[in-house]
Amino acid sequence: MTNAQYIPLTDEELEQLEELLVSDDVPADCMNMEMLDGYLAAVVASPLPIPVGDWLPAVWTADEGEVGFGSGATLQKAIELVLRYYNELVATIGDAEGDEEGEAEGWQPFCYAQGGDDDPAIGEEWATGFAQGFELWPADWAAKVGDTSIAEALLETILGPEEEVTVRPDTESQLAELEAKGIAVQHLFQAWRAHGLPAPEAVAVSAATAATGGPGRNEPCPCGSGKKYKKCCGAN
Protein backbone atom coordinates (compact mmCIF):
# COMPACT_ATOMS: atom_id res chain seq x y z
CA MET A 1 0.00 0.00 0.00
CA THR A 2 2.61 2.54 1.08
CA ASN A 3 6.29 2.80 1.84
CA ALA A 4 5.82 3.66 5.52
CA GLN A 5 4.80 1.34 8.30
CA TYR A 6 1.13 1.66 9.19
CA ILE A 7 0.32 1.03 12.86
CA PRO A 8 -3.39 1.49 13.64
CA LEU A 9 -4.25 3.48 16.73
CA THR A 10 -5.63 1.45 19.60
CA ASP A 11 -8.90 2.48 21.25
CA GLU A 12 -6.87 3.92 24.10
CA GLU A 13 -4.70 5.96 21.72
CA LEU A 14 -7.77 7.27 19.88
CA GLU A 15 -9.18 8.39 23.22
CA GLN A 16 -5.82 9.94 24.11
CA LEU A 17 -5.78 11.86 20.81
CA GLU A 18 -9.35 13.04 21.28
CA GLU A 19 -8.59 14.31 24.79
CA LEU A 20 -5.27 15.86 23.80
CA LEU A 21 -6.82 17.95 21.02
CA VAL A 22 -9.12 19.72 23.49
CA SER A 23 -6.65 19.94 26.39
CA ASP A 24 -4.81 22.97 27.73
CA ASP A 25 -1.55 21.49 26.40
CA VAL A 26 -2.34 22.46 22.80
CA PRO A 27 -3.23 25.83 21.25
CA ALA A 28 -6.71 27.11 22.08
CA ASP A 29 -7.88 26.95 18.45
CA CYS A 30 -6.56 23.44 17.82
CA MET A 31 -8.95 21.25 15.83
CA ASN A 32 -11.04 18.82 17.83
CA MET A 33 -11.38 15.18 16.77
CA GLU A 34 -14.46 15.69 14.60
CA MET A 35 -12.95 18.59 12.69
CA LEU A 36 -9.63 16.76 12.35
CA ASP A 37 -11.36 13.74 10.82
CA GLY A 38 -13.11 15.89 8.21
CA TYR A 39 -9.93 17.86 7.53
CA LEU A 40 -7.81 14.75 6.99
CA ALA A 41 -10.54 13.16 4.87
CA ALA A 42 -10.21 16.12 2.49
CA VAL A 43 -6.42 15.87 2.51
CA VAL A 44 -6.53 12.13 1.74
CA ALA A 45 -9.21 12.62 -0.93
CA SER A 46 -7.23 15.32 -2.76
CA PRO A 47 -6.61 14.63 -6.48
CA LEU A 48 -2.87 14.92 -5.83
CA PRO A 49 -1.00 14.13 -2.59
CA ILE A 50 -0.62 17.11 -0.22
CA PRO A 51 2.74 17.28 1.61
CA VAL A 52 2.58 16.94 5.38
CA GLY A 53 4.22 20.33 5.85
CA ASP A 54 1.33 21.94 3.99
CA TRP A 55 -1.49 20.48 6.09
CA LEU A 56 -0.05 19.74 9.54
CA PRO A 57 0.32 23.34 10.89
CA ALA A 58 -3.40 24.10 10.46
CA VAL A 59 -4.28 21.21 12.77
CA TRP A 60 -2.89 23.15 15.70
CA THR A 61 -3.94 26.69 14.85
CA ALA A 62 -5.72 28.68 12.17
CA ASP A 63 -3.28 31.56 12.70
CA GLU A 64 0.08 31.81 10.99
CA GLY A 65 1.86 32.90 14.15
CA GLU A 66 3.73 30.80 16.69
CA VAL A 67 2.22 27.52 17.83
CA GLY A 68 2.44 26.97 21.57
CA PHE A 69 2.38 23.53 23.23
CA GLY A 70 2.54 22.69 26.92
CA SER A 71 5.85 20.86 26.46
CA GLY A 72 8.10 19.31 23.86
CA ALA A 73 6.88 15.87 24.90
CA THR A 74 3.27 16.95 24.33
CA LEU A 75 4.18 18.27 20.90
CA GLN A 76 5.87 15.03 19.92
CA LYS A 77 2.98 12.88 21.14
CA ALA A 78 0.43 15.09 19.37
CA ILE A 79 2.33 14.89 16.08
CA GLU A 80 2.81 11.14 16.41
CA LEU A 81 -0.89 10.49 17.02
CA VAL A 82 -2.09 12.85 14.27
CA LEU A 83 0.30 11.37 11.69
CA ARG A 84 -0.71 7.84 12.62
CA TYR A 85 -4.37 8.84 12.37
CA TYR A 86 -3.66 10.30 8.92
CA ASN A 87 -2.02 7.00 7.94
CA GLU A 88 -5.10 5.18 9.19
CA LEU A 89 -7.36 7.24 6.93
CA VAL A 90 -5.02 6.67 3.97
CA ALA A 91 -5.36 2.93 4.55
CA THR A 92 -9.09 2.76 5.23
CA ILE A 93 -10.49 5.40 2.88
CA GLY A 94 -8.25 4.03 0.16
CA ASP A 95 -9.13 0.37 0.79
CA ALA A 96 -9.21 -0.98 -2.77
CA GLU A 97 -11.19 -4.08 -1.81
CA GLY A 98 -13.92 -2.67 0.39
CA ASP A 99 -17.33 -4.28 0.51
CA GLU A 100 -19.56 -5.57 -2.29
CA GLU A 101 -20.41 -2.01 -3.35
CA GLY A 102 -16.77 -0.96 -3.47
CA GLU A 103 -16.97 1.16 -0.32
CA ALA A 104 -14.04 1.06 2.08
CA GLU A 105 -14.67 -0.78 5.31
CA GLY A 106 -13.35 0.39 8.65
CA TRP A 107 -13.80 4.14 8.19
CA GLN A 108 -16.81 6.32 8.79
CA PRO A 109 -16.80 10.05 9.47
CA PHE A 110 -16.20 10.77 13.14
CA CYS A 111 -18.76 12.99 14.83
CA TYR A 112 -19.78 14.00 18.32
CA ALA A 113 -23.30 13.15 19.45
CA GLN A 114 -25.25 16.36 19.90
CA GLY A 115 -28.20 16.70 22.23
CA GLY A 116 -29.15 20.34 22.66
CA ASP A 117 -30.51 22.90 20.24
CA ASP A 118 -27.52 25.13 20.99
CA ASP A 119 -25.04 22.40 20.00
CA PRO A 120 -23.65 22.20 16.47
CA ALA A 121 -25.61 19.90 14.18
CA ILE A 122 -24.30 16.35 13.86
CA GLY A 123 -21.43 16.42 11.38
CA GLU A 124 -21.28 20.22 11.22
CA GLU A 125 -17.73 20.43 12.57
CA TRP A 126 -16.71 17.50 10.34
CA ALA A 127 -17.96 19.43 7.30
CA THR A 128 -16.08 22.54 8.48
CA GLY A 129 -12.89 20.50 8.70
CA PHE A 130 -13.39 19.02 5.24
CA ALA A 131 -13.97 22.46 3.75
CA GLN A 132 -10.72 23.67 5.32
CA GLY A 133 -8.84 20.69 3.89
CA PHE A 134 -10.47 21.22 0.50
CA GLU A 135 -8.86 24.67 0.37
CA LEU A 136 -5.45 22.92 0.22
CA TRP A 137 -6.29 21.13 -3.01
CA PRO A 138 -4.16 22.23 -5.97
CA ALA A 139 -5.67 25.30 -7.61
CA ASP A 140 -5.49 23.63 -11.03
CA TRP A 141 -6.91 20.28 -9.94
CA ALA A 142 -9.78 20.45 -12.43
CA ALA A 143 -7.36 20.91 -15.34
CA LYS A 144 -5.39 17.88 -14.26
CA VAL A 145 -8.51 15.72 -14.08
CA GLY A 146 -10.25 16.70 -17.31
CA ASP A 147 -13.82 15.45 -16.85
CA THR A 148 -14.84 16.82 -13.44
CA SER A 149 -18.55 16.00 -13.55
CA ILE A 150 -18.32 13.00 -11.19
CA ALA A 151 -15.98 14.79 -8.80
CA GLU A 152 -18.15 17.91 -8.71
CA ALA A 153 -21.25 15.85 -7.91
CA LEU A 154 -19.43 14.09 -5.08
CA LEU A 155 -18.07 17.38 -3.75
CA GLU A 156 -21.57 18.84 -3.73
CA THR A 157 -22.67 15.93 -1.56
CA ILE A 158 -19.77 16.48 0.82
CA LEU A 159 -19.65 20.27 0.97
CA GLY A 160 -23.41 20.77 0.72
CA PRO A 161 -25.37 23.53 -1.04
CA GLU A 162 -24.07 27.08 -0.98
CA GLU A 163 -27.35 28.49 0.33
CA GLU A 164 -27.78 28.56 4.09
CA VAL A 165 -30.04 25.89 5.61
CA THR A 166 -32.78 27.58 7.65
CA VAL A 167 -34.50 24.47 9.00
CA ARG A 168 -32.41 22.03 11.02
CA PRO A 169 -32.99 18.38 10.02
CA ASP A 170 -33.85 15.81 12.66
CA THR A 171 -31.14 13.61 14.18
CA GLU A 172 -31.79 10.66 11.88
CA SER A 173 -31.53 12.88 8.81
CA GLN A 174 -28.31 14.45 10.08
CA LEU A 175 -26.73 11.03 10.59
CA ALA A 176 -27.86 9.88 7.14
CA GLU A 177 -26.39 13.02 5.58
CA LEU A 178 -23.05 12.48 7.30
CA GLU A 179 -23.00 8.83 6.18
CA ALA A 180 -23.60 9.97 2.59
CA LYS A 181 -20.67 12.39 2.89
CA GLY A 182 -18.42 9.54 4.02
CA ILE A 183 -19.44 7.35 1.08
CA ALA A 184 -18.84 10.26 -1.29
CA VAL A 185 -15.32 10.71 0.12
CA GLN A 186 -14.55 7.06 -0.61
CA HIS A 187 -15.94 7.31 -4.14
CA LEU A 188 -13.97 10.51 -4.71
CA PHE A 189 -10.76 8.75 -3.68
CA GLN A 190 -11.53 5.90 -6.06
CA ALA A 191 -12.36 8.32 -8.91
CA TRP A 192 -8.83 9.80 -8.80
CA ARG A 193 -7.32 6.34 -9.00
CA ALA A 194 -9.49 5.62 -12.05
CA HIS A 195 -7.98 8.75 -13.62
CA GLY A 196 -4.51 7.33 -12.95
CA LEU A 197 -3.63 9.98 -10.36
CA PRO A 198 -1.16 8.97 -7.62
CA ALA A 199 -2.61 7.93 -4.28
CA PRO A 200 -1.40 9.48 -1.02
CA GLU A 201 1.07 7.44 0.96
CA ALA A 202 1.44 6.87 4.66
CA VAL A 203 4.09 9.05 6.26
CA ALA A 204 6.94 7.78 8.39
CA VAL A 205 6.42 8.25 12.11
CA SER A 206 9.63 7.97 14.12
CA ALA A 207 8.94 6.35 17.46
CA ALA A 208 12.49 7.19 18.51
CA THR A 209 11.94 10.91 17.85
CA ALA A 210 8.59 10.81 19.60
CA ALA A 211 10.20 9.34 22.71
CA THR A 212 12.92 11.96 23.03
CA GLY A 213 10.60 14.66 24.33
CA GLY A 214 11.40 17.12 21.55
CA PRO A 215 13.78 17.91 18.69
CA GLY A 216 17.02 19.87 19.00
CA ARG A 217 16.53 23.57 19.69
CA ASN A 218 18.02 24.59 16.34
CA GLU A 219 16.15 21.96 14.33
CA PRO A 220 12.98 22.80 12.36
CA CYS A 221 9.91 22.70 14.58
CA PRO A 222 7.96 19.52 13.82
CA CYS A 223 4.65 21.39 14.07
CA GLY A 224 5.27 22.47 10.49
CA SER A 225 5.64 26.22 11.05
CA GLY A 226 9.01 26.36 9.28
CA LYS A 227 10.64 28.06 12.27
CA LYS A 228 13.39 26.68 14.47
CA TYR A 229 12.09 24.70 17.43
CA LYS A 230 13.53 27.19 19.95
CA LYS A 231 11.68 30.05 18.20
CA CYS A 232 8.37 28.18 18.04
CA CYS A 233 7.00 25.39 20.23
CA GLY A 234 10.28 25.13 22.14
CA ALA A 235 9.99 28.75 23.27
CA ASN A 236 7.90 27.60 26.24
C-alpha atoms as a PDB file:
ATOM      1  CA  MET A   1       0.000   0.000   0.000  1.00  0.00           C
ATOM      2  CA  THR A   2       2.612   2.537   1.078  1.00  0.00           C
ATOM      3  CA  ASN A   3       6.286   2.801   1.839  1.00  0.00           C
ATOM      4  CA  ALA A   4       5.824   3.662   5.520  1.00  0.00           C
ATOM      5  CA  GLN A   5       4.801   1.343   8.303  1.00  0.00           C
ATOM      6  CA  TYR A   6       1.128   1.657   9.190  1.00  0.00           C
ATOM      7  CA  ILE A   7       0.325   1.033  12.856  1.00  0.00           C
ATOM      8  CA  PRO A   8      -3.390   1.486  13.638  1.00  0.00           C
ATOM      9  CA  LEU A   9      -4.247   3.476  16.727  1.00  0.00           C
ATOM     10  CA  THR A  10      -5.626   1.451  19.601  1.00  0.00           C
ATOM     11  CA  ASP A  11      -8.900   2.479  21.247  1.00  0.00           C
ATOM     12  CA  GLU A  12      -6.867   3.922  24.104  1.00  0.00           C
ATOM     13  CA  GLU A  13      -4.701   5.958  21.725  1.00  0.00           C
ATOM     14  CA  LEU A  14      -7.765   7.270  19.883  1.00  0.00           C
ATOM     15  CA  GLU A  15      -9.182   8.387  23.215  1.00  0.00           C
ATOM     16  CA  GLN A  16      -5.824   9.944  24.109  1.00  0.00           C
ATOM     17  CA  LEU A  17      -5.777  11.862  20.807  1.00  0.00           C
ATOM     18  CA  GLU A  18      -9.348  13.039  21.284  1.00  0.00           C
ATOM     19  CA  GLU A  19      -8.588  14.311  24.789  1.00  0.00           C
ATOM     20  CA  LEU A  20      -5.266  15.857  23.799  1.00  0.00           C
ATOM     21  CA  LEU A  21      -6.822  17.947  21.021  1.00  0.00           C
ATOM     22  CA  VAL A  22      -9.118  19.723  23.491  1.00  0.00           C
ATOM     23  CA  SER A  23      -6.647  19.942  26.389  1.00  0.00           C
ATOM     24  CA  ASP A  24      -4.807  22.974  27.728  1.00  0.00           C
ATOM     25  CA  ASP A  25      -1.546  21.495  26.402  1.00  0.00           C
ATOM     26  CA  VAL A  26      -2.342  22.458  22.798  1.00  0.00           C
ATOM     27  CA  PRO A  27      -3.228  25.835  21.245  1.00  0.00           C
ATOM     28  CA  ALA A  28      -6.706  27.105  22.082  1.00  0.00           C
ATOM     29  CA  ASP A  29      -7.875  26.952  18.454  1.00  0.00           C
ATOM     30  CA  CYS A  30      -6.558  23.437  17.819  1.00  0.00           C
ATOM     31  CA  MET A  31      -8.949  21.249  15.830  1.00  0.00           C
ATOM     32  CA  ASN A  32     -11.043  18.820  17.835  1.00  0.00           C
ATOM     33  CA  MET A  33     -11.383  15.181  16.767  1.00  0.00           C
ATOM     34  CA  GLU A  34     -14.465  15.687  14.596  1.00  0.00           C
ATOM     35  CA  MET A  35     -12.953  18.593  12.690  1.00  0.00           C
ATOM     36  CA  LEU A  36      -9.633  16.759  12.350  1.00  0.00           C
ATOM     37  CA  ASP A  37     -11.362  13.736  10.824  1.00  0.00           C
ATOM     38  CA  GLY A  38     -13.111  15.892   8.207  1.00  0.00           C
ATOM     39  CA  TYR A  39      -9.929  17.857   7.526  1.00  0.00           C
ATOM     40  CA  LEU A  40      -7.812  14.754   6.991  1.00  0.00           C
ATOM     41  CA  ALA A  41     -10.537  13.164   4.872  1.00  0.00           C
ATOM     42  CA  ALA A  42     -10.215  16.119   2.492  1.00  0.00           C
ATOM     43  CA  VAL A  43      -6.416  15.867   2.508  1.00  0.00           C
ATOM     44  CA  VAL A  44      -6.533  12.135   1.743  1.00  0.00           C
ATOM     45  CA  ALA A  45      -9.214  12.617  -0.934  1.00  0.00           C
ATOM     46  CA  SER A  46      -7.229  15.322  -2.759  1.00  0.00           C
ATOM     47  CA  PRO A  47      -6.609  14.633  -6.478  1.00  0.00           C
ATOM     48  CA  LEU A  48      -2.868  14.917  -5.828  1.00  0.00           C
ATOM     49  CA  PRO A  49      -1.001  14.134  -2.585  1.00  0.00           C
ATOM     50  CA  ILE A  50      -0.623  17.106  -0.225  1.00  0.00           C
ATOM     51  CA  PRO A  51       2.745  17.280   1.611  1.00  0.00           C
ATOM     52  CA  VAL A  52       2.575  16.936   5.381  1.00  0.00           C
ATOM     53  CA  GLY A  53       4.219  20.328   5.855  1.00  0.00           C
ATOM     54  CA  ASP A  54       1.328  21.937   3.989  1.00  0.00           C
ATOM     55  CA  TRP A  55      -1.492  20.480   6.087  1.00  0.00           C
ATOM     56  CA  LEU A  56      -0.051  19.743   9.536  1.00  0.00           C
ATOM     57  CA  PRO A  57       0.317  23.338  10.890  1.00  0.00           C
ATOM     58  CA  ALA A  58      -3.400  24.098  10.458  1.00  0.00           C
ATOM     59  CA  VAL A  59      -4.281  21.209  12.768  1.00  0.00           C
ATOM     60  CA  TRP A  60      -2.885  23.147  15.701  1.00  0.00           C
ATOM     61  CA  THR A  61      -3.940  26.687  14.848  1.00  0.00           C
ATOM     62  CA  ALA A  62      -5.721  28.678  12.171  1.00  0.00           C
ATOM     63  CA  ASP A  63      -3.281  31.558  12.702  1.00  0.00           C
ATOM     64  CA  GLU A  64       0.083  31.814  10.988  1.00  0.00           C
ATOM     65  CA  GLY A  65       1.861  32.899  14.152  1.00  0.00           C
ATOM     66  CA  GLU A  66       3.726  30.803  16.687  1.00  0.00           C
ATOM     67  CA  VAL A  67       2.223  27.517  17.827  1.00  0.00           C
ATOM     68  CA  GLY A  68       2.436  26.965  21.573  1.00  0.00           C
ATOM     69  CA  PHE A  69       2.378  23.532  23.235  1.00  0.00           C
ATOM     70  CA  GLY A  70       2.539  22.695  26.917  1.00  0.00           C
ATOM     71  CA  SER A  71       5.850  20.863  26.456  1.00  0.00           C
ATOM     72  CA  GLY A  72       8.097  19.313  23.862  1.00  0.00           C
ATOM     73  CA  ALA A  73       6.877  15.869  24.899  1.00  0.00           C
ATOM     74  CA  THR A  74       3.271  16.948  24.332  1.00  0.00           C
ATOM     75  CA  LEU A  75       4.175  18.274  20.902  1.00  0.00           C
ATOM     76  CA  GLN A  76       5.872  15.027  19.917  1.00  0.00           C
ATOM     77  CA  LYS A  77       2.979  12.882  21.139  1.00  0.00           C
ATOM     78  CA  ALA A  78       0.427  15.090  19.370  1.00  0.00           C
ATOM     79  CA  ILE A  79       2.329  14.888  16.079  1.00  0.00           C
ATOM     80  CA  GLU A  80       2.813  11.138  16.410  1.00  0.00           C
ATOM     81  CA  LEU A  81      -0.892  10.486  17.015  1.00  0.00           C
ATOM     82  CA  VAL A  82      -2.087  12.846  14.270  1.00  0.00           C
ATOM     83  CA  LEU A  83       0.295  11.370  11.691  1.00  0.00           C
ATOM     84  CA  ARG A  84      -0.713   7.842  12.618  1.00  0.00           C
ATOM     85  CA  TYR A  85      -4.373   8.840  12.371  1.00  0.00           C
ATOM     86  CA  TYR A  86      -3.660  10.297   8.919  1.00  0.00           C
ATOM     87  CA  ASN A  87      -2.018   7.001   7.942  1.00  0.00           C
ATOM     88  CA  GLU A  88      -5.096   5.176   9.186  1.00  0.00           C
ATOM     89  CA  LEU A  89      -7.361   7.241   6.929  1.00  0.00           C
ATOM     90  CA  VAL A  90      -5.025   6.672   3.971  1.00  0.00           C
ATOM     91  CA  ALA A  91      -5.359   2.933   4.551  1.00  0.00           C
ATOM     92  CA  THR A  92      -9.092   2.762   5.234  1.00  0.00           C
ATOM     93  CA  ILE A  93     -10.490   5.404   2.876  1.00  0.00           C
ATOM     94  CA  GLY A  94      -8.248   4.025   0.159  1.00  0.00           C
ATOM     95  CA  ASP A  95      -9.131   0.372   0.789  1.00  0.00           C
ATOM     96  CA  ALA A  96      -9.208  -0.978  -2.774  1.00  0.00           C
ATOM     97  CA  GLU A  97     -11.188  -4.084  -1.810  1.00  0.00           C
ATOM     98  CA  GLY A  98     -13.916  -2.669   0.386  1.00  0.00           C
ATOM     99  CA  ASP A  99     -17.333  -4.279   0.511  1.00  0.00           C
ATOM    100  CA  GLU A 100     -19.564  -5.570  -2.291  1.00  0.00           C
ATOM    101  CA  GLU A 101     -20.412  -2.011  -3.349  1.00  0.00           C
ATOM    102  CA  GLY A 102     -16.769  -0.956  -3.466  1.00  0.00           C
ATOM    103  CA  GLU A 103     -16.966   1.163  -0.323  1.00  0.00           C
ATOM    104  CA  ALA A 104     -14.037   1.056   2.080  1.00  0.00           C
ATOM    105  CA  GLU A 105     -14.666  -0.784   5.309  1.00  0.00           C
ATOM    106  CA  GLY A 106     -13.354   0.394   8.652  1.00  0.00           C
ATOM    107  CA  TRP A 107     -13.804   4.141   8.190  1.00  0.00           C
ATOM    108  CA  GLN A 108     -16.811   6.319   8.793  1.00  0.00           C
ATOM    109  CA  PRO A 109     -16.799  10.055   9.470  1.00  0.00           C
ATOM    110  CA  PHE A 110     -16.201  10.770  13.140  1.00  0.00           C
ATOM    111  CA  CYS A 111     -18.761  12.989  14.833  1.00  0.00           C
ATOM    112  CA  TYR A 112     -19.781  13.997  18.321  1.00  0.00           C
ATOM    113  CA  ALA A 113     -23.296  13.148  19.451  1.00  0.00           C
ATOM    114  CA  GLN A 114     -25.246  16.361  19.897  1.00  0.00           C
ATOM    115  CA  GLY A 115     -28.199  16.698  22.227  1.00  0.00           C
ATOM    116  CA  GLY A 116     -29.153  20.342  22.665  1.00  0.00           C
ATOM    117  CA  ASP A 117     -30.513  22.902  20.239  1.00  0.00           C
ATOM    118  CA  ASP A 118     -27.520  25.134  20.987  1.00  0.00           C
ATOM    119  CA  ASP A 119     -25.035  22.399  20.000  1.00  0.00           C
ATOM    120  CA  PRO A 120     -23.648  22.202  16.470  1.00  0.00           C
ATOM    121  CA  ALA A 121     -25.607  19.905  14.184  1.00  0.00           C
ATOM    122  CA  ILE A 122     -24.298  16.351  13.857  1.00  0.00           C
ATOM    123  CA  GLY A 123     -21.429  16.423  11.382  1.00  0.00           C
ATOM    124  CA  GLU A 124     -21.279  20.218  11.216  1.00  0.00           C
ATOM    125  CA  GLU A 125     -17.734  20.426  12.572  1.00  0.00           C
ATOM    126  CA  TRP A 126     -16.715  17.503  10.335  1.00  0.00           C
ATOM    127  CA  ALA A 127     -17.957  19.425   7.300  1.00  0.00           C
ATOM    128  CA  THR A 128     -16.085  22.538   8.475  1.00  0.00           C
ATOM    129  CA  GLY A 129     -12.885  20.503   8.702  1.00  0.00           C
ATOM    130  CA  PHE A 130     -13.391  19.018   5.236  1.00  0.00           C
ATOM    131  CA  ALA A 131     -13.971  22.464   3.750  1.00  0.00           C
ATOM    132  CA  GLN A 132     -10.717  23.670   5.323  1.00  0.00           C
ATOM    133  CA  GLY A 133      -8.837  20.692   3.893  1.00  0.00           C
ATOM    134  CA  PHE A 134     -10.466  21.224   0.497  1.00  0.00           C
ATOM    135  CA  GLU A 135      -8.857  24.672   0.368  1.00  0.00           C
ATOM    136  CA  LEU A 136      -5.452  22.920   0.221  1.00  0.00           C
ATOM    137  CA  TRP A 137      -6.294  21.125  -3.012  1.00  0.00           C
ATOM    138  CA  PRO A 138      -4.158  22.232  -5.975  1.00  0.00           C
ATOM    139  CA  ALA A 139      -5.671  25.302  -7.607  1.00  0.00           C
ATOM    140  CA  ASP A 140      -5.495  23.632 -11.025  1.00  0.00           C
ATOM    141  CA  TRP A 141      -6.908  20.278  -9.940  1.00  0.00           C
ATOM    142  CA  ALA A 142      -9.783  20.449 -12.434  1.00  0.00           C
ATOM    143  CA  ALA A 143      -7.359  20.912 -15.340  1.00  0.00           C
ATOM    144  CA  LYS A 144      -5.391  17.878 -14.261  1.00  0.00           C
ATOM    145  CA  VAL A 145      -8.507  15.716 -14.084  1.00  0.00           C
ATOM    146  CA  GLY A 146     -10.255  16.697 -17.306  1.00  0.00           C
ATOM    147  CA  ASP A 147     -13.824  15.455 -16.850  1.00  0.00           C
ATOM    148  CA  THR A 148     -14.837  16.818 -13.442  1.00  0.00           C
ATOM    149  CA  SER A 149     -18.551  15.995 -13.552  1.00  0.00           C
ATOM    150  CA  ILE A 150     -18.317  13.001 -11.192  1.00  0.00           C
ATOM    151  CA  ALA A 151     -15.981  14.794  -8.796  1.00  0.00           C
ATOM    152  CA  GLU A 152     -18.150  17.914  -8.709  1.00  0.00           C
ATOM    153  CA  ALA A 153     -21.251  15.854  -7.912  1.00  0.00           C
ATOM    154  CA  LEU A 154     -19.431  14.090  -5.081  1.00  0.00           C
ATOM    155  CA  LEU A 155     -18.072  17.378  -3.745  1.00  0.00           C
ATOM    156  CA  GLU A 156     -21.569  18.844  -3.735  1.00  0.00           C
ATOM    157  CA  THR A 157     -22.671  15.926  -1.559  1.00  0.00           C
ATOM    158  CA  ILE A 158     -19.768  16.475   0.824  1.00  0.00           C
ATOM    159  CA  LEU A 159     -19.653  20.268   0.967  1.00  0.00           C
ATOM    160  CA  GLY A 160     -23.408  20.773   0.716  1.00  0.00           C
ATOM    161  CA  PRO A 161     -25.371  23.526  -1.036  1.00  0.00           C
ATOM    162  CA  GLU A 162     -24.074  27.085  -0.982  1.00  0.00           C
ATOM    163  CA  GLU A 163     -27.347  28.489   0.327  1.00  0.00           C
ATOM    164  CA  GLU A 164     -27.777  28.557   4.093  1.00  0.00           C
ATOM    165  CA  VAL A 165     -30.040  25.892   5.615  1.00  0.00           C
ATOM    166  CA  THR A 166     -32.778  27.582   7.647  1.00  0.00           C
ATOM    167  CA  VAL A 167     -34.503  24.470   9.002  1.00  0.00           C
ATOM    168  CA  ARG A 168     -32.405  22.034  11.022  1.00  0.00           C
ATOM    169  CA  PRO A 169     -32.988  18.382  10.020  1.00  0.00           C
ATOM    170  CA  ASP A 170     -33.852  15.808  12.661  1.00  0.00           C
ATOM    171  CA  THR A 171     -31.142  13.612  14.184  1.00  0.00           C
ATOM    172  CA  GLU A 172     -31.793  10.657  11.877  1.00  0.00           C
ATOM    173  CA  SER A 173     -31.531  12.877   8.811  1.00  0.00           C
ATOM    174  CA  GLN A 174     -28.311  14.454  10.080  1.00  0.00           C
ATOM    175  CA  LEU A 175     -26.732  11.030  10.589  1.00  0.00           C
ATOM    176  CA  ALA A 176     -27.858   9.883   7.137  1.00  0.00           C
ATOM    177  CA  GLU A 177     -26.390  13.019   5.577  1.00  0.00           C
ATOM    178  CA  LEU A 178     -23.052  12.478   7.302  1.00  0.00           C
ATOM    179  CA  GLU A 179     -22.997   8.831   6.177  1.00  0.00           C
ATOM    180  CA  ALA A 180     -23.600   9.973   2.592  1.00  0.00           C
ATOM    181  CA  LYS A 181     -20.672  12.386   2.885  1.00  0.00           C
ATOM    182  CA  GLY A 182     -18.417   9.538   4.016  1.00  0.00           C
ATOM    183  CA  ILE A 183     -19.439   7.348   1.076  1.00  0.00           C
ATOM    184  CA  ALA A 184     -18.840  10.262  -1.290  1.00  0.00           C
ATOM    185  CA  VAL A 185     -15.316  10.708   0.117  1.00  0.00           C
ATOM    186  CA  GLN A 186     -14.550   7.059  -0.614  1.00  0.00           C
ATOM    187  CA  HIS A 187     -15.937   7.310  -4.143  1.00  0.00           C
ATOM    188  CA  LEU A 188     -13.970  10.505  -4.705  1.00  0.00           C
ATOM    189  CA  PHE A 189     -10.756   8.752  -3.685  1.00  0.00           C
ATOM    190  CA  GLN A 190     -11.533   5.898  -6.065  1.00  0.00           C
ATOM    191  CA  ALA A 191     -12.356   8.319  -8.908  1.00  0.00           C
ATOM    192  CA  TRP A 192      -8.834   9.803  -8.802  1.00  0.00           C
ATOM    193  CA  ARG A 193      -7.318   6.338  -9.003  1.00  0.00           C
ATOM    194  CA  ALA A 194      -9.494   5.616 -12.047  1.00  0.00           C
ATOM    195  CA  HIS A 195      -7.983   8.752 -13.624  1.00  0.00           C
ATOM    196  CA  GLY A 196      -4.511   7.334 -12.955  1.00  0.00           C
ATOM    197  CA  LEU A 197      -3.625   9.984 -10.364  1.00  0.00           C
ATOM    198  CA  PRO A 198      -1.162   8.973  -7.622  1.00  0.00           C
ATOM    199  CA  ALA A 199      -2.606   7.925  -4.282  1.00  0.00           C
ATOM    200  CA  PRO A 200      -1.398   9.485  -1.024  1.00  0.00           C
ATOM    201  CA  GLU A 201       1.074   7.437   0.961  1.00  0.00           C
ATOM    202  CA  ALA A 202       1.438   6.874   4.661  1.00  0.00           C
ATOM    203  CA  VAL A 203       4.085   9.052   6.261  1.00  0.00           C
ATOM    204  CA  ALA A 204       6.938   7.777   8.388  1.00  0.00           C
ATOM    205  CA  VAL A 205       6.419   8.253  12.113  1.00  0.00           C
ATOM    206  CA  SER A 206       9.627   7.974  14.122  1.00  0.00           C
ATOM    207  CA  ALA A 207       8.938   6.349  17.463  1.00  0.00           C
ATOM    208  CA  ALA A 208      12.486   7.190  18.511  1.00  0.00           C
ATOM    209  CA  THR A 209      11.942  10.908  17.851  1.00  0.00           C
ATOM    210  CA  ALA A 210       8.586  10.813  19.603  1.00  0.00           C
ATOM    211  CA  ALA A 211      10.199   9.345  22.713  1.00  0.00           C
ATOM    212  CA  THR A 212      12.916  11.960  23.031  1.00  0.00           C
ATOM    213  CA  GLY A 213      10.603  14.664  24.331  1.00  0.00           C
ATOM    214  CA  GLY A 214      11.404  17.120  21.547  1.00  0.00           C
ATOM    215  CA  PRO A 215      13.784  17.910  18.695  1.00  0.00           C
ATOM    216  CA  GLY A 216      17.019  19.873  18.996  1.00  0.00           C
ATOM    217  CA  ARG A 217      16.529  23.572  19.690  1.00  0.00           C
ATOM    218  CA  ASN A 218      18.017  24.589  16.340  1.00  0.00           C
ATOM    219  CA  GLU A 219      16.145  21.964  14.330  1.00  0.00           C
ATOM    220  CA  PRO A 220      12.979  22.802  12.358  1.00  0.00           C
ATOM    221  CA  CYS A 221       9.914  22.701  14.580  1.00  0.00           C
ATOM    222  CA  PRO A 222       7.961  19.519  13.820  1.00  0.00           C
ATOM    223  CA  CYS A 223       4.653  21.389  14.073  1.00  0.00           C
ATOM    224  CA  GLY A 224       5.274  22.472  10.488  1.00  0.00           C
ATOM    225  CA  SER A 225       5.640  26.218  11.048  1.00  0.00           C
ATOM    226  CA  GLY A 226       9.012  26.364   9.281  1.00  0.00           C
ATOM    227  CA  LYS A 227      10.645  28.059  12.267  1.00  0.00           C
ATOM    228  CA  LYS A 228      13.390  26.684  14.471  1.00  0.00           C
ATOM    229  CA  TYR A 229      12.095  24.698  17.429  1.00  0.00           C
ATOM    230  CA  LYS A 230      13.535  27.192  19.950  1.00  0.00           C
ATOM    231  CA  LYS A 231      11.678  30.050  18.204  1.00  0.00           C
ATOM    232  CA  CYS A 232       8.372  28.176  18.036  1.00  0.00           C
ATOM    233  CA  CYS A 233       6.998  25.391  20.231  1.00  0.00           C
ATOM    234  CA  GLY A 234      10.283  25.126  22.138  1.00  0.00           C
ATOM    235  CA  ALA A 235       9.991  28.753  23.270  1.00  0.00           C
ATOM    236  CA  ASN A 236       7.903  27.604  26.237  1.00  0.00           C
END
